[in-house]
Amino acid sequence: LDIRTVNESAGIPILISAQANGNGDGSVSGVISFNSQKQNQRPGLLLLSGTVYIGFSSHCDWDPYHGWLIGYDASTLQQTVVYNTTPAGREAGIWMSGAGPSADEFGNIYLATGNGSVGTPGNESNPINRGESALKLTRSGNSLSVASFFTPSNYAHLENTDLDFGVTAMLLIPNSNWVVTGSKDGYLFLMDRNNMGGFNAGANNVKQTIDLGRNKFLRSSLSYYKGTVKEFLYTWSENAPLTALPFNRISNVFDLPNRTTSSAVGPVGNNGALLSVSSNGSIDSTAILWASHAS
């Protein structure tokens, strides 16, 4: 739309459609076609290097569906890239409670997926299917590939109990190699962007696991602020207090004993808070944490 007139540009709108090679759920003759009846644009948008990326999950968990990330040229809206999270499997929608994918200075894209196929039979680390996972995607031409990933060791339990991964954004801690995301069972995970931990049935190979408690489903966003001396990650899940977690640049972990919580009454039910920070640079007295949640 022309923001001066709100008129559509010539040749607009563009119907969203896509195809991916694979024999996954709903495929026909080795091709999976985007089905707008079953897919729902749940995450926000990402604008990166002239490409607008649109992510999709399910419409009411209505099979067959997949996670899709589809890129369009920001000037012409011509489709330039398509990624399917489970071309040889099922589901693995991109949700993240409405947050958009993240990107680093090298053009890598970070997103998390919910319930769905993990690897292939006998090889849960196969990148072709990546449900219940945090993903780092690298673009080459019109395709995206998994450069690194993390899947929690208890993904089957998460799947079976509707405590799925992929419920928060992938928050990149600025000027570092660290990224944070969470799961509906109440855990946040701090990971190295270059080696996110993969899958290990015996243990999670991540930098730090933060337990926010049960019944804290993390259907919310994360936010970050760096002040003059300290820096913080903020989280406000439903049934939980607003919490500021200090990040220690020496140990490269969160200083959990010195976390700060608020007594403000927060969200309950199936909705956490959406958070953002405004400030005049790192001047602490100007920093404001903004929160929006259902009453």
C-alpha atoms as a PDB file:
ATOM      1  CA  LEU A   1       0.000   0.000   0.000  1.00  0.00           C
ATOM      2  CA  ASP A   2       1.081   3.560  -0.701  1.00  0.00           C
ATOM      3  CA  ILE A   3       1.219   5.026   2.818  1.00  0.00           C
ATOM      4  CA  ARG A   4       0.307   8.475   1.446  1.00  0.00           C
ATOM      5  CA  THR A   5      -2.921   7.334  -0.235  1.00  0.00           C
ATOM      6  CA  VAL A   6      -3.457   3.757   1.070  1.00  0.00           C
ATOM      7  CA  ASN A   7      -3.899   2.712  -2.559  1.00  0.00           C
ATOM      8  CA  GLU A   8      -2.678  -0.650  -3.814  1.00  0.00           C
ATOM      9  CA  SER A   9       0.314  -0.702  -6.146  1.00  0.00           C
ATOM     10  CA  ALA A  10       0.005  -1.955  -9.701  1.00  0.00           C
ATOM     11  CA  GLY A  11      -0.190  -5.740  -9.940  1.00  0.00           C
ATOM     12  CA  ILE A  12      -1.160  -6.063  -6.268  1.00  0.00           C
ATOM     13  CA  PRO A  13      -2.379  -8.064  -4.365  1.00  0.00           C
ATOM     14  CA  ILE A  14      -0.298 -11.224  -4.729  1.00  0.00           C
ATOM     15  CA  LEU A  15      -1.904 -14.536  -3.781  1.00  0.00           C
ATOM     16  CA  ILE A  16       0.283 -16.419  -1.307  1.00  0.00           C
ATOM     17  CA  SER A  17       1.127 -19.867  -2.639  1.00  0.00           C
ATOM     18  CA  ALA A  18       4.123 -22.159  -2.380  1.00  0.00           C
ATOM     19  CA  GLN A  19       5.396 -25.656  -3.049  1.00  0.00           C
ATOM     20  CA  ALA A  20       8.100 -27.797  -1.480  1.00  0.00           C
ATOM     21  CA  ASN A  21       9.522 -31.121  -2.612  1.00  0.00           C
ATOM     22  CA  GLY A  22       8.809 -33.938  -0.186  1.00  0.00           C
ATOM     23  CA  ASN A  23       6.620 -36.886   0.704  1.00  0.00           C
ATOM     24  CA  GLY A  24       5.352 -35.386   3.943  1.00  0.00           C
ATOM     25  CA  ASP A  25       1.793 -35.146   5.174  1.00  0.00           C
ATOM     26  CA  GLY A  26      -0.589 -33.987   2.445  1.00  0.00           C
ATOM     27  CA  SER A  27       1.926 -34.373  -0.380  1.00  0.00           C
ATOM     28  CA  VAL A  28       0.908 -35.368  -3.894  1.00  0.00           C
ATOM     29  CA  SER A  29       3.451 -37.047  -6.181  1.00  0.00           C
ATOM     30  CA  GLY A  30       6.366 -35.871  -4.070  1.00  0.00           C
ATOM     31  CA  VAL A  31       5.208 -32.250  -3.785  1.00  0.00           C
ATOM     32  CA  ILE A  32       3.690 -30.434  -0.791  1.00  0.00           C
ATOM     33  CA  SER A  33       1.507 -27.492  -1.770  1.00  0.00           C
ATOM     34  CA  PHE A  34       0.712 -24.588   0.541  1.00  0.00           C
ATOM     35  CA  ASN A  35      -2.907 -24.952   1.649  1.00  0.00           C
ATOM     36  CA  SER A  36      -4.359 -21.635   2.791  1.00  0.00           C
ATOM     37  CA  GLN A  37      -7.328 -23.427   4.361  1.00  0.00           C
ATOM     38  CA  LYS A  38      -5.057 -25.284   6.783  1.00  0.00           C
ATOM     39  CA  GLN A  39      -2.284 -22.696   7.284  1.00  0.00           C
ATOM     40  CA  ASN A  40      -2.470 -19.597   9.495  1.00  0.00           C
ATOM     41  CA  GLN A  41      -0.026 -16.695   9.567  1.00  0.00           C
ATOM     42  CA  ARG A  42       0.732 -16.755  13.290  1.00  0.00           C
ATOM     43  CA  PRO A  43       4.163 -15.051  13.608  1.00  0.00           C
ATOM     44  CA  GLY A  44       4.992 -11.445  12.798  1.00  0.00           C
ATOM     45  CA  LEU A  45       6.926 -10.368   9.716  1.00  0.00           C
ATOM     46  CA  LEU A  46      10.674 -10.114   9.188  1.00  0.00           C
ATOM     47  CA  LEU A  47      12.183  -7.592   6.756  1.00  0.00           C
ATOM     48  CA  LEU A  48      15.737  -8.626   5.921  1.00  0.00           C
ATOM     49  CA  SER A  49      17.932  -7.421   3.041  1.00  0.00           C
ATOM     50  CA  GLY A  50      14.991  -6.397   0.894  1.00  0.00           C
ATOM     51  CA  THR A  51      12.970  -9.562   1.543  1.00  0.00           C
ATOM     52  CA  VAL A  52       9.778  -9.778   3.588  1.00  0.00           C
ATOM     53  CA  TYR A  53       9.510 -13.166   5.319  1.00  0.00           C
ATOM     54  CA  ILE A  54       6.075 -14.501   6.302  1.00  0.00           C
ATOM     55  CA  GLY A  55       5.772 -17.487   8.648  1.00  0.00           C
ATOM     56  CA  PHE A  56       2.894 -19.916   8.978  1.00  0.00           C
ATOM     57  CA  SER A  57       1.601 -22.482  11.421  1.00  0.00           C
ATOM     58  CA  SER A  58      -1.740 -24.260  11.571  1.00  0.00           C
ATOM     59  CA  HIS A  59      -5.315 -23.105  11.526  1.00  0.00           C
ATOM     60  CA  CYS A  60      -6.737 -24.699  14.701  1.00  0.00           C
ATOM     61  CA  ASP A  61      -4.266 -27.648  14.525  1.00  0.00           C
ATOM     62  CA  TRP A  62      -6.139 -28.835  11.448  1.00  0.00           C
ATOM     63  CA  ASP A  63      -4.054 -31.452   9.612  1.00  0.00           C
ATOM     64  CA  PRO A  64      -2.391 -31.710   7.243  1.00  0.00           C
ATOM     65  CA  TYR A  65      -0.275 -28.629   7.851  1.00  0.00           C
ATOM     66  CA  HIS A  66       3.405 -27.683   7.987  1.00  0.00           C
ATOM     67  CA  GLY A  67       5.564 -24.798   9.110  1.00  0.00           C
ATOM     68  CA  TRP A  68       6.294 -22.492   6.190  1.00  0.00           C
ATOM     69  CA  LEU A  69       8.593 -19.483   5.869  1.00  0.00           C
ATOM     70  CA  ILE A  70       8.020 -17.708   2.558  1.00  0.00           C
ATOM     71  CA  GLY A  71      10.028 -14.724   1.349  1.00  0.00           C
ATOM     72  CA  TYR A  72       8.854 -11.986  -1.026  1.00  0.00           C
ATOM     73  CA  ASP A  73      10.783  -9.154  -2.639  1.00  0.00           C
ATOM     74  CA  ALA A  74       9.802  -6.065  -0.645  1.00  0.00           C
ATOM     75  CA  SER A  75       9.572  -3.890  -3.762  1.00  0.00           C
ATOM     76  CA  THR A  76       7.804  -6.190  -6.232  1.00  0.00           C
ATOM     77  CA  LEU A  77       6.250  -8.843  -3.940  1.00  0.00           C
ATOM     78  CA  GLN A  78       7.650 -11.537  -6.196  1.00  0.00           C
ATOM     79  CA  GLN A  79       8.300 -14.755  -4.301  1.00  0.00           C
ATOM     80  CA  THR A  80      12.026 -15.333  -3.774  1.00  0.00           C
ATOM     81  CA  VAL A  81      12.431 -18.087  -1.171  1.00  0.00           C
ATOM     82  CA  VAL A  82      10.420 -20.953   0.345  1.00  0.00           C
ATOM     83  CA  TYR A  83      11.216 -23.078   3.406  1.00  0.00           C
ATOM     84  CA  ASN A  84       9.126 -25.968   4.753  1.00  0.00           C
ATOM     85  CA  THR A  85       9.951 -27.236   8.261  1.00  0.00           C
ATOM     86  CA  THR A  86       8.833 -30.849   7.663  1.00  0.00           C
ATOM     87  CA  PRO A  87       8.953 -31.841   3.976  1.00  0.00           C
ATOM     88  CA  ALA A  88       9.262 -35.506   4.971  1.00  0.00           C
ATOM     89  CA  GLY A  89       6.947 -35.279   7.981  1.00  0.00           C
ATOM     90  CA  ARG A  90       4.093 -33.322   9.481  1.00  0.00           C
ATOM     91  CA  GLU A  91       3.188 -30.160  11.370  1.00  0.00           C
ATOM     92  CA  ALA A  92       6.039 -28.176  13.082  1.00  0.00           C
ATOM     93  CA  GLY A  93       4.270 -24.845  12.718  1.00  0.00           C
ATOM     94  CA  ILE A  94       5.966 -21.500  13.345  1.00  0.00           C
ATOM     95  CA  TRP A  95       4.022 -19.801  16.143  1.00  0.00           C
ATOM     96  CA  MET A  96       6.225 -17.974  18.691  1.00  0.00           C
ATOM     97  CA  SER A  97       3.152 -16.317  20.278  1.00  0.00           C
ATOM     98  CA  GLY A  98       2.943 -13.857  17.422  1.00  0.00           C
ATOM     99  CA  ALA A  99       6.576 -12.717  17.413  1.00  0.00           C
ATOM    100  CA  GLY A 100       8.426 -12.523  14.111  1.00  0.00           C
ATOM    101  CA  PRO A 101      11.605 -14.413  13.187  1.00  0.00           C
ATOM    102  CA  SER A 102      14.894 -12.825  14.248  1.00  0.00           C
ATOM    103  CA  ALA A 103      17.988 -12.143  12.123  1.00  0.00           C
ATOM    104  CA  ASP A 104      21.667 -11.486  12.807  1.00  0.00           C
ATOM    105  CA  GLU A 105      24.165  -9.206  11.092  1.00  0.00           C
ATOM    106  CA  PHE A 106      25.212 -12.030   8.749  1.00  0.00           C
ATOM    107  CA  GLY A 107      21.705 -12.565   7.397  1.00  0.00           C
ATOM    108  CA  ASN A 108      20.966 -15.769   9.328  1.00  0.00           C
ATOM    109  CA  ILE A 109      17.335 -16.238  10.373  1.00  0.00           C
ATOM    110  CA  TYR A 110      16.256 -17.629  13.749  1.00  0.00           C
ATOM    111  CA  LEU A 111      12.860 -19.132  14.503  1.00  0.00           C
ATOM    112  CA  ALA A 112      11.277 -21.810  16.681  1.00  0.00           C
ATOM    113  CA  THR A 113       8.789 -24.524  15.759  1.00  0.00           C
ATOM    114  CA  GLY A 114       6.064 -26.268  17.734  1.00  0.00           C
ATOM    115  CA  ASN A 115       4.786 -29.826  17.684  1.00  0.00           C
ATOM    116  CA  GLY A 116       5.581 -32.046  14.725  1.00  0.00           C
ATOM    117  CA  SER A 117       8.055 -34.504  13.213  1.00  0.00           C
ATOM    118  CA  VAL A 118      11.578 -34.572  14.652  1.00  0.00           C
ATOM    119  CA  GLY A 119      14.198 -35.942  12.259  1.00  0.00           C
ATOM    120  CA  THR A 120      13.482 -39.223  10.567  1.00  0.00           C
ATOM    121  CA  PRO A 121      12.895 -42.745  11.951  1.00  0.00           C
ATOM    122  CA  GLY A 122      16.160 -43.835  13.546  1.00  0.00           C
ATOM    123  CA  ASN A 123      17.770 -40.397  13.166  1.00  0.00           C
ATOM    124  CA  GLU A 124      16.187 -37.684  15.292  1.00  0.00           C
ATOM    125  CA  SER A 125      19.007 -35.300  14.317  1.00  0.00           C
ATOM    126  CA  ASN A 126      18.201 -35.324  10.604  1.00  0.00           C
ATOM    127  CA  PRO A 127      17.601 -31.644   9.747  1.00  0.00           C
ATOM    128  CA  ILE A 128      14.955 -32.441   7.121  1.00  0.00           C
ATOM    129  CA  ASN A 129      12.157 -32.470   9.744  1.00  0.00           C
ATOM    130  CA  ARG A 130      12.516 -30.097  12.672  1.00  0.00           C
ATOM    131  CA  GLY A 131       9.464 -29.968  14.874  1.00  0.00           C
ATOM    132  CA  GLU A 132       9.845 -28.902  18.540  1.00  0.00           C
ATOM    133  CA  SER A 133      13.059 -27.064  17.645  1.00  0.00           C
ATOM    134  CA  ALA A 134      14.966 -23.801  17.662  1.00  0.00           C
ATOM    135  CA  LEU A 135      16.431 -23.197  14.193  1.00  0.00           C
ATOM    136  CA  LYS A 136      19.176 -21.117  12.649  1.00  0.00           C
ATOM    137  CA  LEU A 137      18.535 -20.856   8.917  1.00  0.00           C
ATOM    138  CA  THR A 138      21.035 -19.771   6.267  1.00  0.00           C
ATOM    139  CA  ARG A 139      19.886 -18.595   2.846  1.00  0.00           C
ATOM    140  CA  SER A 140      21.432 -19.671  -0.443  1.00  0.00           C
ATOM    141  CA  GLY A 141      19.617 -18.439  -3.548  1.00  0.00           C
ATOM    142  CA  ASN A 142      15.926 -19.248  -3.230  1.00  0.00           C
ATOM    143  CA  SER A 143      16.309 -21.784  -0.428  1.00  0.00           C
ATOM    144  CA  LEU A 144      16.949 -21.831   3.313  1.00  0.00           C
ATOM    145  CA  SER A 145      18.821 -24.607   5.111  1.00  0.00           C
ATOM    146  CA  VAL A 146      19.314 -25.506   8.768  1.00  0.00           C
ATOM    147  CA  ALA A 147      22.751 -24.304   9.877  1.00  0.00           C
ATOM    148  CA  SER A 148      22.220 -25.205  13.547  1.00  0.00           C
ATOM    149  CA  PHE A 149      19.339 -26.327  15.746  1.00  0.00           C
ATOM    150  CA  PHE A 150      18.276 -27.325  19.237  1.00  0.00           C
ATOM    151  CA  THR A 151      15.586 -29.853  20.136  1.00  0.00           C
ATOM    152  CA  PRO A 152      14.961 -30.579  23.836  1.00  0.00           C
ATOM    153  CA  SER A 153      15.615 -34.129  25.007  1.00  0.00           C
ATOM    154  CA  ASN A 154      12.011 -34.456  26.262  1.00  0.00           C
ATOM    155  CA  TYR A 155      10.402 -33.350  22.999  1.00  0.00           C
ATOM    156  CA  ALA A 156       8.180 -36.472  22.910  1.00  0.00           C
ATOM    157  CA  HIS A 157       6.761 -35.581  26.330  1.00  0.00           C
ATOM    158  CA  LEU A 158       6.206 -31.992  25.186  1.00  0.00           C
ATOM    159  CA  GLU A 159       4.418 -33.270  22.109  1.00  0.00           C
ATOM    160  CA  ASN A 160       2.180 -35.691  24.004  1.00  0.00           C
ATOM    161  CA  THR A 161       1.168 -33.234  26.740  1.00  0.00           C
ATOM    162  CA  ASP A 162       0.639 -30.091  24.637  1.00  0.00           C
ATOM    163  CA  LEU A 163       3.613 -28.397  26.295  1.00  0.00           C
ATOM    164  CA  ASP A 164       5.250 -27.627  22.990  1.00  0.00           C
ATOM    165  CA  PHE A 165       8.478 -25.859  22.199  1.00  0.00           C
ATOM    166  CA  GLY A 166       8.443 -22.797  19.950  1.00  0.00           C
ATOM    167  CA  VAL A 167       6.188 -20.688  22.156  1.00  0.00           C
ATOM    168  CA  THR A 168       8.371 -17.558  22.435  1.00  0.00           C
ATOM    169  CA  ALA A 169      10.461 -15.515  20.058  1.00  0.00           C
ATOM    170  CA  MET A 170      14.137 -16.226  19.438  1.00  0.00           C
ATOM    171  CA  LEU A 171      15.695 -13.270  21.265  1.00  0.00           C
ATOM    172  CA  LEU A 172      19.246 -12.522  20.105  1.00  0.00           C
ATOM    173  CA  ILE A 173      21.304 -10.939  22.887  1.00  0.00           C
ATOM    174  CA  PRO A 174      23.017  -7.974  21.182  1.00  0.00           C
ATOM    175  CA  ASN A 175      26.779  -8.012  20.632  1.00  0.00           C
ATOM    176  CA  SER A 176      27.042 -11.685  21.512  1.00  0.00           C
ATOM    177  CA  ASN A 177      26.623 -15.185  20.100  1.00  0.00           C
ATOM    178  CA  TRP A 178      23.745 -16.013  22.456  1.00  0.00           C
ATOM    179  CA  VAL A 179      20.061 -16.571  21.738  1.00  0.00           C
ATOM    180  CA  VAL A 180      17.147 -17.287  24.102  1.00  0.00           C
ATOM    181  CA  THR A 181      13.819 -19.030  23.558  1.00  0.00           C
ATOM    182  CA  GLY A 182      11.356 -21.047  25.610  1.00  0.00           C
ATOM    183  CA  SER A 183       8.887 -23.892  25.903  1.00  0.00           C
ATOM    184  CA  LYS A 184       5.380 -24.234  27.324  1.00  0.00           C
ATOM    185  CA  ASP A 185       6.674 -26.437  30.158  1.00  0.00           C
ATOM    186  CA  GLY A 186       8.097 -23.292  31.765  1.00  0.00           C
ATOM    187  CA  TYR A 187      11.756 -23.389  30.694  1.00  0.00           C
ATOM    188  CA  LEU A 188      13.908 -20.818  28.934  1.00  0.00           C
ATOM    189  CA  PHE A 189      17.018 -21.983  27.076  1.00  0.00           C
ATOM    190  CA  LEU A 190      20.195 -19.972  26.449  1.00  0.00           C
ATOM    191  CA  MET A 191      22.039 -21.250  23.382  1.00  0.00           C
ATOM    192  CA  ASP A 192      25.163 -20.498  21.355  1.00  0.00           C
ATOM    193  CA  ARG A 193      23.957 -19.263  17.960  1.00  0.00           C
ATOM    194  CA  ASN A 194      26.774 -21.100  16.173  1.00  0.00           C
ATOM    195  CA  ASN A 195      26.236 -24.414  17.985  1.00  0.00           C
ATOM    196  CA  MET A 196      22.736 -24.440  19.372  1.00  0.00           C
ATOM    197  CA  GLY A 197      22.984 -27.909  20.877  1.00  0.00           C
ATOM    198  CA  GLY A 198      21.336 -30.270  18.396  1.00  0.00           C
ATOM    199  CA  PHE A 199      19.492 -33.216  19.882  1.00  0.00           C
ATOM    200  CA  ASN A 200      20.718 -35.491  22.650  1.00  0.00           C
ATOM    201  CA  ALA A 201      18.299 -37.959  24.210  1.00  0.00           C
ATOM    202  CA  GLY A 202      20.200 -37.908  27.497  1.00  0.00           C
ATOM    203  CA  ALA A 203      20.719 -34.204  28.126  1.00  0.00           C
ATOM    204  CA  ASN A 204      20.190 -30.752  26.648  1.00  0.00           C
ATOM    205  CA  ASN A 205      23.474 -29.392  25.307  1.00  0.00           C
ATOM    206  CA  VAL A 206      22.704 -25.725  25.907  1.00  0.00           C
ATOM    207  CA  LYS A 207      24.560 -22.990  27.783  1.00  0.00           C
ATOM    208  CA  GLN A 208      21.875 -22.495  30.452  1.00  0.00           C
ATOM    209  CA  THR A 209      18.386 -23.735  31.308  1.00  0.00           C
ATOM    210  CA  ILE A 210      16.138 -21.412  33.313  1.00  0.00           C
ATOM    211  CA  ASP A 211      13.205 -22.917  35.200  1.00  0.00           C
ATOM    212  CA  LEU A 212      10.346 -20.419  35.566  1.00  0.00           C
ATOM    213  CA  GLY A 213       8.061 -23.025  37.163  1.00  0.00           C
ATOM    214  CA  ARG A 214       5.157 -25.210  36.138  1.00  0.00           C
ATOM    215  CA  ASN A 215       1.932 -23.712  34.838  1.00  0.00           C
ATOM    216  CA  LYS A 216       4.016 -20.878  33.363  1.00  0.00           C
ATOM    217  CA  PHE A 217       3.295 -21.565  29.733  1.00  0.00           C
ATOM    218  CA  LEU A 218       5.429 -18.750  28.293  1.00  0.00           C
ATOM    219  CA  ARG A 219       2.807 -17.753  25.721  1.00  0.00           C
ATOM    220  CA  SER A 220       4.404 -14.334  25.694  1.00  0.00           C
ATOM    221  CA  SER A 221       7.271 -12.326  24.267  1.00  0.00           C
ATOM    222  CA  LEU A 222      10.746 -11.567  25.576  1.00  0.00           C
ATOM    223  CA  SER A 223      12.478  -8.193  25.699  1.00  0.00           C
ATOM    224  CA  TYR A 224      15.962  -6.868  26.464  1.00  0.00           C
ATOM    225  CA  TYR A 225      17.670  -3.745  27.800  1.00  0.00           C
ATOM    226  CA  LYS A 226      21.326  -2.799  28.311  1.00  0.00           C
ATOM    227  CA  GLY A 227      21.932   0.029  30.734  1.00  0.00           C
ATOM    228  CA  THR A 228      25.060   1.804  31.873  1.00  0.00           C
ATOM    229  CA  VAL A 229      26.333  -1.162  33.894  1.00  0.00           C
ATOM    230  CA  LYS A 230      23.799  -3.995  33.780  1.00  0.00           C
ATOM    231  CA  GLU A 231      21.672  -5.647  31.119  1.00  0.00           C
ATOM    232  CA  PHE A 232      18.456  -7.611  31.468  1.00  0.00           C
ATOM    233  CA  LEU A 233      16.156 -10.073  29.757  1.00  0.00           C
ATOM    234  CA  TYR A 234      12.480  -9.510  30.609  1.00  0.00           C
ATOM    235  CA  THR A 235       9.774 -12.178  30.677  1.00  0.00           C
ATOM    236  CA  TRP A 236       6.138 -12.017  31.831  1.00  0.00           C
ATOM    237  CA  SER A 237       4.363 -15.301  31.260  1.00  0.00           C
ATOM    238  CA  GLU A 238       0.826 -16.001  32.310  1.00  0.00           C
ATOM    239  CA  ASN A 239       0.479 -17.084  35.957  1.00  0.00           C
ATOM    240  CA  ALA A 240       3.928 -15.630  36.688  1.00  0.00           C
ATOM    241  CA  PRO A 241       5.374 -12.322  37.888  1.00  0.00           C
ATOM    242  CA  LEU A 242       7.139  -9.911  35.592  1.00  0.00           C
ATOM    243  CA  THR A 243      10.799 -10.929  35.880  1.00  0.00           C
ATOM    244  CA  ALA A 244      14.079  -9.226  34.949  1.00  0.00           C
ATOM    245  CA  LEU A 245      16.997 -11.631  34.508  1.00  0.00           C
ATOM    246  CA  PRO A 246      20.456  -9.961  34.662  1.00  0.00           C
ATOM    247  CA  PHE A 247      22.892 -11.180  32.001  1.00  0.00           C
ATOM    248  CA  ASN A 248      26.525 -11.567  33.068  1.00  0.00           C
ATOM    249  CA  ARG A 249      29.022 -10.823  30.268  1.00  0.00           C
ATOM    250  CA  ILE A 250      31.870 -12.543  32.115  1.00  0.00           C
ATOM    251  CA  SER A 251      30.177 -15.908  32.683  1.00  0.00           C
ATOM    252  CA  ASN A 252      27.824 -15.475  29.711  1.00  0.00           C
ATOM    253  CA  VAL A 253      24.878 -16.781  31.723  1.00  0.00           C
ATOM    254  CA  PHE A 254      21.959 -15.166  33.507  1.00  0.00           C
ATOM    255  CA  ASP A 255      22.535 -14.257  37.155  1.00  0.00           C
ATOM    256  CA  LEU A 256      19.477 -16.083  38.478  1.00  0.00           C
ATOM    257  CA  PRO A 257      20.009 -15.416  42.222  1.00  0.00           C
ATOM    258  CA  ASN A 258      19.829 -11.679  41.485  1.00  0.00           C
ATOM    259  CA  ARG A 259      16.720 -11.739  39.348  1.00  0.00           C
ATOM    260  CA  THR A 260      14.140  -9.015  40.011  1.00  0.00           C
ATOM    261  CA  THR A 261      10.377  -9.586  40.078  1.00  0.00           C
ATOM    262  CA  SER A 262       7.422  -7.214  40.157  1.00  0.00           C
ATOM    263  CA  SER A 263       4.396  -7.361  42.442  1.00  0.00           C
ATOM    264  CA  ALA A 264       2.140  -6.061  39.666  1.00  0.00           C
ATOM    265  CA  VAL A 265      -0.828  -8.304  38.895  1.00  0.00           C
ATOM    266  CA  GLY A 266      -0.097 -10.026  35.627  1.00  0.00           C
ATOM    267  CA  PRO A 267      -1.793 -12.076  32.938  1.00  0.00           C
ATOM    268  CA  VAL A 268      -3.615 -15.345  33.611  1.00  0.00           C
ATOM    269  CA  GLY A 269      -5.219 -17.990  31.452  1.00  0.00           C
ATOM    270  CA  ASN A 270      -3.921 -18.578  27.945  1.00  0.00           C
ATOM    271  CA  ASN A 271      -2.192 -15.255  27.425  1.00  0.00           C
ATOM    272  CA  GLY A 272       1.124 -13.822  28.558  1.00  0.00           C
ATOM    273  CA  ALA A 273       2.401 -10.276  28.061  1.00  0.00           C
ATOM    274  CA  LEU A 274       3.900  -8.696  24.967  1.00  0.00           C
ATOM    275  CA  LEU A 275       6.950  -6.688  26.026  1.00  0.00           C
ATOM    276  CA  SER A 276       9.146  -3.959  24.573  1.00  0.00           C
ATOM    277  CA  VAL A 277      11.680  -1.466  25.929  1.00  0.00           C
ATOM    278  CA  SER A 278      12.247   2.175  25.053  1.00  0.00           C
ATOM    279  CA  SER A 279      15.144   4.292  26.292  1.00  0.00           C
ATOM    280  CA  ASN A 280      17.490   7.114  25.460  1.00  0.00           C
ATOM    281  CA  GLY A 281      20.423   4.804  24.726  1.00  0.00           C
ATOM    282  CA  SER A 282      21.837   3.298  27.909  1.00  0.00           C
ATOM    283  CA  ILE A 283      20.687   6.094  30.238  1.00  0.00           C
ATOM    284  CA  ASP A 284      19.034   4.009  32.943  1.00  0.00           C
ATOM    285  CA  SER A 285      16.659   6.722  34.159  1.00  0.00           C
ATOM    286  CA  THR A 286      15.028   6.886  30.722  1.00  0.00           C
ATOM    287  CA  ALA A 287      14.354   3.174  30.293  1.00  0.00           C
ATOM    288  CA  ILE A 288      10.724   2.064  30.235  1.00  0.00           C
ATOM    289  CA  LEU A 289       9.469  -1.518  29.912  1.00  0.00           C
ATOM    290  CA  TRP A 290       6.136  -1.531  28.100  1.00  0.00           C
ATOM    291  CA  ALA A 291       3.751  -4.464  28.583  1.00  0.00           C
ATOM    292  CA  SER A 292       0.442  -5.382  27.010  1.00  0.00           C
ATOM    293  CA  HIS A 293      -1.680  -8.353  28.076  1.00  0.00           C
ATOM    294  CA  ALA A 294      -5.292  -9.455  28.283  1.00  0.00           C
ATOM    295  CA  SER A 295      -6.943  -8.673  31.594  1.00  0.00           C
END
